[in-house]
Amino acid sequence: SVMPAGAVCPGGMAPTKLLSGGAYVTVPDGSLKPIASYPYFTTADGGVSSSYYPAASGATNPNAWAAIGWVGGSAGPGNNTYAFAVCARTATFTNTVEQAFVNGPNLASTASTTTVPCPTGSQVVGGGFSMDSEAALYGGSTFFKASQNSGDHLVASYPTDSSGNPDWSQATTKGWGARGHSGGQTLGGTHTHVWAMC
């Protein structure tokens, strides 16, 4: 089962702008783990949407960040999923979402990596990921599709250089990457998605 949570950037008289976000889970018992962390749009009245539709590639100015906790095996009382939104105090710029995905991992004990660059002339301000059963880019009106594989988990979410490699230098960041792992068994049908906030 999945456990979604959402965090919204403040609006009102002094609106803020979403930069990035994160996910956190508590696991006193069971196998809960973060399986998705991505930008989305709240409802028109500013409330947290129950849909948590992942933002489409090319979308501008999402105002919230979602986190999905995934229970692949046994669950337990006290498990919680938390979402974090990182927001700028100024809203005078436009943020654009870029998204990509790859098929897999579809074999036990293997990993799949996907990266997405920001457009030329823009800067990376954050990024997110998802391991799921959605075999296409999310278009902004489709809910997160849970994986069939209980062992699926993320092993990396990171800024990338112009070649799509981890940006160890911290000086040439051009995009975002994600690496998903299948665990010890798989049924196939897994996809690894990545989002960049540009």
C-alpha atoms as a PDB file:
ATOM      1  CA  SER A   1       0.000   0.000   0.000  1.00  0.00           C
ATOM      2  CA  VAL A   2       1.046   3.651  -0.378  1.00  0.00           C
ATOM      3  CA  MET A   3       1.022   6.433   2.189  1.00  0.00           C
ATOM      4  CA  PRO A   4       0.990   9.891   0.495  1.00  0.00           C
ATOM      5  CA  ALA A   5       1.767  13.180   2.215  1.00  0.00           C
ATOM      6  CA  GLY A   6       2.049  16.734   0.887  1.00  0.00           C
ATOM      7  CA  ALA A   7       3.672  20.017   1.930  1.00  0.00           C
ATOM      8  CA  VAL A   8       2.523  23.333   0.427  1.00  0.00           C
ATOM      9  CA  CYS A   9       4.494  26.545   0.009  1.00  0.00           C
ATOM     10  CA  PRO A  10       2.833  29.513   1.770  1.00  0.00           C
ATOM     11  CA  GLY A  11       0.751  31.859  -0.370  1.00  0.00           C
ATOM     12  CA  GLY A  12      -1.355  34.819   0.689  1.00  0.00           C
ATOM     13  CA  MET A  13      -0.144  38.422   0.598  1.00  0.00           C
ATOM     14  CA  ALA A  14       3.528  37.376   0.361  1.00  0.00           C
ATOM     15  CA  PRO A  15       3.530  34.277  -1.855  1.00  0.00           C
ATOM     16  CA  THR A  16       6.537  31.990  -1.897  1.00  0.00           C
ATOM     17  CA  LYS A  17       7.947  29.816  -4.680  1.00  0.00           C
ATOM     18  CA  LEU A  18       8.625  26.074  -4.527  1.00  0.00           C
ATOM     19  CA  LEU A  19      12.272  25.164  -5.087  1.00  0.00           C
ATOM     20  CA  SER A  20      12.430  21.511  -4.120  1.00  0.00           C
ATOM     21  CA  GLY A  21      11.364  19.078  -1.421  1.00  0.00           C
ATOM     22  CA  GLY A  22      11.970  15.815   0.340  1.00  0.00           C
ATOM     23  CA  ALA A  23      10.492  12.735   1.978  1.00  0.00           C
ATOM     24  CA  TYR A  24      10.900  11.149   5.393  1.00  0.00           C
ATOM     25  CA  VAL A  25       9.343   8.015   6.883  1.00  0.00           C
ATOM     26  CA  THR A  26       9.294   6.573  10.385  1.00  0.00           C
ATOM     27  CA  VAL A  27       9.509   2.810  10.634  1.00  0.00           C
ATOM     28  CA  PRO A  28       8.973   1.517  14.169  1.00  0.00           C
ATOM     29  CA  ASP A  29       7.823  -1.765  12.616  1.00  0.00           C
ATOM     30  CA  GLY A  30       7.402  -3.159   9.108  1.00  0.00           C
ATOM     31  CA  SER A  31       8.954  -2.260   5.771  1.00  0.00           C
ATOM     32  CA  LEU A  32       7.839   1.322   5.071  1.00  0.00           C
ATOM     33  CA  LYS A  33      10.246   3.272   2.846  1.00  0.00           C
ATOM     34  CA  PRO A  34      10.060   6.441   0.703  1.00  0.00           C
ATOM     35  CA  ILE A  35       9.298   5.404  -2.875  1.00  0.00           C
ATOM     36  CA  ALA A  36       8.460   8.808  -4.421  1.00  0.00           C
ATOM     37  CA  SER A  37       9.207  12.480  -3.825  1.00  0.00           C
ATOM     38  CA  TYR A  38       8.067  14.985  -6.482  1.00  0.00           C
ATOM     39  CA  PRO A  39       6.470  18.391  -7.231  1.00  0.00           C
ATOM     40  CA  TYR A  40       2.715  18.786  -7.671  1.00  0.00           C
ATOM     41  CA  PHE A  41      -0.063  21.398  -7.706  1.00  0.00           C
ATOM     42  CA  THR A  42      -2.564  21.894  -4.898  1.00  0.00           C
ATOM     43  CA  THR A  43      -6.246  22.645  -5.378  1.00  0.00           C
ATOM     44  CA  ALA A  44      -7.340  26.114  -6.470  1.00  0.00           C
ATOM     45  CA  ASP A  45      -8.173  27.173  -2.895  1.00  0.00           C
ATOM     46  CA  GLY A  46      -4.650  26.351  -1.735  1.00  0.00           C
ATOM     47  CA  GLY A  47      -5.629  23.235   0.174  1.00  0.00           C
ATOM     48  CA  VAL A  48      -3.596  20.044  -0.069  1.00  0.00           C
ATOM     49  CA  SER A  49      -4.968  18.027  -2.952  1.00  0.00           C
ATOM     50  CA  SER A  50      -6.003  14.453  -2.236  1.00  0.00           C
ATOM     51  CA  SER A  51      -4.842  13.510  -5.741  1.00  0.00           C
ATOM     52  CA  TYR A  52      -1.127  14.349  -5.440  1.00  0.00           C
ATOM     53  CA  TYR A  53      -0.819  14.202  -9.249  1.00  0.00           C
ATOM     54  CA  PRO A  54       2.896  14.425 -10.165  1.00  0.00           C
ATOM     55  CA  ALA A  55       3.687  17.609 -12.110  1.00  0.00           C
ATOM     56  CA  ALA A  56       4.068  17.195 -15.858  1.00  0.00           C
ATOM     57  CA  SER A  57       7.288  17.854 -17.735  1.00  0.00           C
ATOM     58  CA  GLY A  58       7.216  21.484 -18.856  1.00  0.00           C
ATOM     59  CA  ALA A  59       4.799  22.562 -16.121  1.00  0.00           C
ATOM     60  CA  THR A  60       5.599  25.860 -14.432  1.00  0.00           C
ATOM     61  CA  ASN A  61       5.470  26.913 -10.802  1.00  0.00           C
ATOM     62  CA  PRO A  62       4.130  23.896  -8.907  1.00  0.00           C
ATOM     63  CA  ASN A  63       3.413  24.996  -5.337  1.00  0.00           C
ATOM     64  CA  ALA A  64       3.692  21.777  -3.333  1.00  0.00           C
ATOM     65  CA  TRP A  65       5.846  18.708  -2.773  1.00  0.00           C
ATOM     66  CA  ALA A  66       4.570  15.169  -2.335  1.00  0.00           C
ATOM     67  CA  ALA A  67       6.107  12.187  -0.598  1.00  0.00           C
ATOM     68  CA  ILE A  68       4.908   8.601  -0.973  1.00  0.00           C
ATOM     69  CA  GLY A  69       5.652   5.984   1.655  1.00  0.00           C
ATOM     70  CA  TRP A  70       5.542   2.432   0.290  1.00  0.00           C
ATOM     71  CA  VAL A  71       4.836  -0.626   2.433  1.00  0.00           C
ATOM     72  CA  GLY A  72       6.185  -3.497   0.399  1.00  0.00           C
ATOM     73  CA  GLY A  73       5.845  -6.172   3.055  1.00  0.00           C
ATOM     74  CA  SER A  74       4.544  -5.965   6.625  1.00  0.00           C
ATOM     75  CA  ALA A  75       3.203  -2.763   8.125  1.00  0.00           C
ATOM     76  CA  GLY A  76       3.081  -1.672  11.726  1.00  0.00           C
ATOM     77  CA  PRO A  77       1.394   0.912  13.974  1.00  0.00           C
ATOM     78  CA  GLY A  78       3.169   4.235  14.220  1.00  0.00           C
ATOM     79  CA  ASN A  79       4.434   4.279  10.634  1.00  0.00           C
ATOM     80  CA  ASN A  80       4.285   7.817   9.216  1.00  0.00           C
ATOM     81  CA  THR A  81       5.205   9.541   5.945  1.00  0.00           C
ATOM     82  CA  TYR A  82       6.263  13.206   5.908  1.00  0.00           C
ATOM     83  CA  ALA A  83       6.719  15.588   2.975  1.00  0.00           C
ATOM     84  CA  PHE A  84       8.955  18.673   3.030  1.00  0.00           C
ATOM     85  CA  ALA A  85       8.715  21.673   0.705  1.00  0.00           C
ATOM     86  CA  VAL A  86      11.663  24.045   0.255  1.00  0.00           C
ATOM     87  CA  CYS A  87      10.269  27.473  -0.647  1.00  0.00           C
ATOM     88  CA  ALA A  88      11.825  30.795  -1.666  1.00  0.00           C
ATOM     89  CA  ARG A  89      10.580  34.008  -0.081  1.00  0.00           C
ATOM     90  CA  THR A  90      10.361  35.735  -3.448  1.00  0.00           C
ATOM     91  CA  ALA A  91       7.979  34.751  -6.215  1.00  0.00           C
ATOM     92  CA  THR A  92       9.402  36.916  -9.007  1.00  0.00           C
ATOM     93  CA  PHE A  93      10.878  34.052 -11.030  1.00  0.00           C
ATOM     94  CA  THR A  94       9.428  31.064 -12.892  1.00  0.00           C
ATOM     95  CA  ASN A  95      10.292  27.476 -12.083  1.00  0.00           C
ATOM     96  CA  THR A  96       9.920  24.850 -14.800  1.00  0.00           C
ATOM     97  CA  VAL A  97       9.581  21.117 -14.216  1.00  0.00           C
ATOM     98  CA  GLU A  98      11.567  18.663 -16.329  1.00  0.00           C
ATOM     99  CA  GLN A  99      10.774  14.949 -16.154  1.00  0.00           C
ATOM    100  CA  ALA A 100      12.209  11.699 -17.553  1.00  0.00           C
ATOM    101  CA  PHE A 101      11.900   7.972 -16.888  1.00  0.00           C
ATOM    102  CA  VAL A 102      13.406   4.597 -17.755  1.00  0.00           C
ATOM    103  CA  ASN A 103      12.010   1.075 -17.680  1.00  0.00           C
ATOM    104  CA  GLY A 104      13.310  -0.996 -14.806  1.00  0.00           C
ATOM    105  CA  PRO A 105      14.857  -2.321 -12.778  1.00  0.00           C
ATOM    106  CA  ASN A 106      13.117  -5.512 -13.887  1.00  0.00           C
ATOM    107  CA  LEU A 107      15.529  -8.166 -12.626  1.00  0.00           C
ATOM    108  CA  ALA A 108      16.189  -9.107  -9.008  1.00  0.00           C
ATOM    109  CA  SER A 109      19.125  -7.324  -7.349  1.00  0.00           C
ATOM    110  CA  THR A 110      19.613  -4.862 -10.219  1.00  0.00           C
ATOM    111  CA  ALA A 111      19.366  -1.077 -10.511  1.00  0.00           C
ATOM    112  CA  SER A 112      18.190   1.444 -13.108  1.00  0.00           C
ATOM    113  CA  THR A 113      19.377   5.043 -13.423  1.00  0.00           C
ATOM    114  CA  THR A 114      17.627   7.939 -15.122  1.00  0.00           C
ATOM    115  CA  THR A 115      18.599  11.596 -15.440  1.00  0.00           C
ATOM    116  CA  VAL A 116      16.997  14.749 -16.826  1.00  0.00           C
ATOM    117  CA  PRO A 117      18.769  18.006 -17.773  1.00  0.00           C
ATOM    118  CA  CYS A 118      17.524  21.519 -17.223  1.00  0.00           C
ATOM    119  CA  PRO A 119      17.112  23.689 -20.353  1.00  0.00           C
ATOM    120  CA  THR A 120      20.120  25.699 -21.458  1.00  0.00           C
ATOM    121  CA  GLY A 121      20.288  28.973 -19.572  1.00  0.00           C
ATOM    122  CA  SER A 122      18.380  27.733 -16.531  1.00  0.00           C
ATOM    123  CA  GLN A 123      19.659  26.557 -13.160  1.00  0.00           C
ATOM    124  CA  VAL A 124      18.854  23.453 -11.152  1.00  0.00           C
ATOM    125  CA  VAL A 125      17.255  24.258  -7.796  1.00  0.00           C
ATOM    126  CA  GLY A 126      16.130  20.767  -6.783  1.00  0.00           C
ATOM    127  CA  GLY A 127      14.798  17.439  -7.903  1.00  0.00           C
ATOM    128  CA  GLY A 128      12.729  14.375  -7.094  1.00  0.00           C
ATOM    129  CA  PHE A 129      12.141  10.729  -7.961  1.00  0.00           C
ATOM    130  CA  SER A 130       9.633   7.912  -8.175  1.00  0.00           C
ATOM    131  CA  MET A 131       9.733   4.125  -8.523  1.00  0.00           C
ATOM    132  CA  ASP A 132       6.376   2.911  -9.765  1.00  0.00           C
ATOM    133  CA  SER A 133       4.404   1.112 -12.484  1.00  0.00           C
ATOM    134  CA  GLU A 134       3.735   4.183 -14.706  1.00  0.00           C
ATOM    135  CA  ALA A 135       5.191   3.378 -18.140  1.00  0.00           C
ATOM    136  CA  ALA A 136       5.054   6.976 -19.430  1.00  0.00           C
ATOM    137  CA  LEU A 137       5.775  10.515 -18.340  1.00  0.00           C
ATOM    138  CA  TYR A 138       3.332  11.707 -15.709  1.00  0.00           C
ATOM    139  CA  GLY A 139       1.126  14.353 -17.288  1.00  0.00           C
ATOM    140  CA  GLY A 140      -0.172  16.221 -14.274  1.00  0.00           C
ATOM    141  CA  SER A 141      -3.537  14.424 -14.076  1.00  0.00           C
ATOM    142  CA  THR A 142      -2.475  10.867 -13.194  1.00  0.00           C
ATOM    143  CA  PHE A 143      -2.034   9.659  -9.635  1.00  0.00           C
ATOM    144  CA  PHE A 144       1.166   7.908  -8.596  1.00  0.00           C
ATOM    145  CA  LYS A 145       0.921   4.256  -9.692  1.00  0.00           C
ATOM    146  CA  ALA A 146       2.285   1.929  -7.035  1.00  0.00           C
ATOM    147  CA  SER A 147       4.913  -0.635  -7.942  1.00  0.00           C
ATOM    148  CA  GLN A 148       4.044  -4.332  -8.013  1.00  0.00           C
ATOM    149  CA  ASN A 149       7.395  -5.243  -6.498  1.00  0.00           C
ATOM    150  CA  SER A 150       7.725  -5.271  -2.725  1.00  0.00           C
ATOM    151  CA  GLY A 151      11.503  -4.814  -2.796  1.00  0.00           C
ATOM    152  CA  ASP A 152      11.636  -1.681  -4.976  1.00  0.00           C
ATOM    153  CA  HIS A 153      13.507   1.159  -3.311  1.00  0.00           C
ATOM    154  CA  LEU A 154      15.490   4.254  -4.195  1.00  0.00           C
ATOM    155  CA  VAL A 155      19.237   4.205  -3.659  1.00  0.00           C
ATOM    156  CA  ALA A 156      20.149   7.684  -4.971  1.00  0.00           C
ATOM    157  CA  SER A 157      18.640  11.083  -5.826  1.00  0.00           C
ATOM    158  CA  TYR A 158      21.228  13.673  -6.806  1.00  0.00           C
ATOM    159  CA  PRO A 159      22.241  16.702  -8.936  1.00  0.00           C
ATOM    160  CA  THR A 160      24.032  15.843 -12.176  1.00  0.00           C
ATOM    161  CA  ASP A 161      26.624  17.435 -14.440  1.00  0.00           C
ATOM    162  CA  SER A 162      26.207  17.993 -18.188  1.00  0.00           C
ATOM    163  CA  SER A 163      26.966  14.306 -18.869  1.00  0.00           C
ATOM    164  CA  GLY A 164      24.324  13.049 -16.428  1.00  0.00           C
ATOM    165  CA  ASN A 165      26.891  11.950 -13.844  1.00  0.00           C
ATOM    166  CA  PRO A 166      26.683  12.889 -10.145  1.00  0.00           C
ATOM    167  CA  ASP A 167      27.965  16.446  -9.786  1.00  0.00           C
ATOM    168  CA  TRP A 168      30.687  15.817  -7.237  1.00  0.00           C
ATOM    169  CA  SER A 169      32.319  19.183  -7.980  1.00  0.00           C
ATOM    170  CA  GLN A 170      29.206  21.123  -6.913  1.00  0.00           C
ATOM    171  CA  ALA A 171      30.060  23.650  -9.613  1.00  0.00           C
ATOM    172  CA  THR A 172      28.625  22.352 -12.884  1.00  0.00           C
ATOM    173  CA  THR A 173      25.122  21.166 -11.942  1.00  0.00           C
ATOM    174  CA  LYS A 174      22.924  20.806 -15.045  1.00  0.00           C
ATOM    175  CA  GLY A 175      20.148  18.393 -14.066  1.00  0.00           C
ATOM    176  CA  TRP A 176      18.896  15.740 -11.673  1.00  0.00           C
ATOM    177  CA  GLY A 177      19.298  11.967 -11.425  1.00  0.00           C
ATOM    178  CA  ALA A 178      17.695   9.036  -9.631  1.00  0.00           C
ATOM    179  CA  ARG A 179      18.733   5.407  -9.183  1.00  0.00           C
ATOM    180  CA  GLY A 180      16.236   2.720  -8.216  1.00  0.00           C
ATOM    181  CA  HIS A 181      16.963  -0.823  -7.016  1.00  0.00           C
ATOM    182  CA  SER A 182      14.729  -3.880  -7.235  1.00  0.00           C
ATOM    183  CA  GLY A 183      15.770  -5.627  -4.043  1.00  0.00           C
ATOM    184  CA  GLY A 184      15.939  -9.402  -3.952  1.00  0.00           C
ATOM    185  CA  GLN A 185      12.954 -10.190  -6.154  1.00  0.00           C
ATOM    186  CA  THR A 186      10.880  -8.599  -8.904  1.00  0.00           C
ATOM    187  CA  LEU A 187       7.720  -9.180 -10.895  1.00  0.00           C
ATOM    188  CA  GLY A 188       8.714  -6.751 -13.663  1.00  0.00           C
ATOM    189  CA  GLY A 189       6.835  -3.635 -14.686  1.00  0.00           C
ATOM    190  CA  THR A 190       8.894  -1.200 -12.598  1.00  0.00           C
ATOM    191  CA  HIS A 191       9.827   2.266 -13.897  1.00  0.00           C
ATOM    192  CA  THR A 192      12.177   4.850 -12.417  1.00  0.00           C
ATOM    193  CA  HIS A 193      11.150   8.493 -12.840  1.00  0.00           C
ATOM    194  CA  VAL A 194      13.083  11.679 -12.128  1.00  0.00           C
ATOM    195  CA  TRP A 195      12.061  15.332 -11.843  1.00  0.00           C
ATOM    196  CA  ALA A 196      14.272  18.422 -12.038  1.00  0.00           C
ATOM    197  CA  MET A 197      13.209  21.836 -10.812  1.00  0.00           C
ATOM    198  CA  CYS A 198      14.776  24.402 -13.138  1.00  0.00           C
END
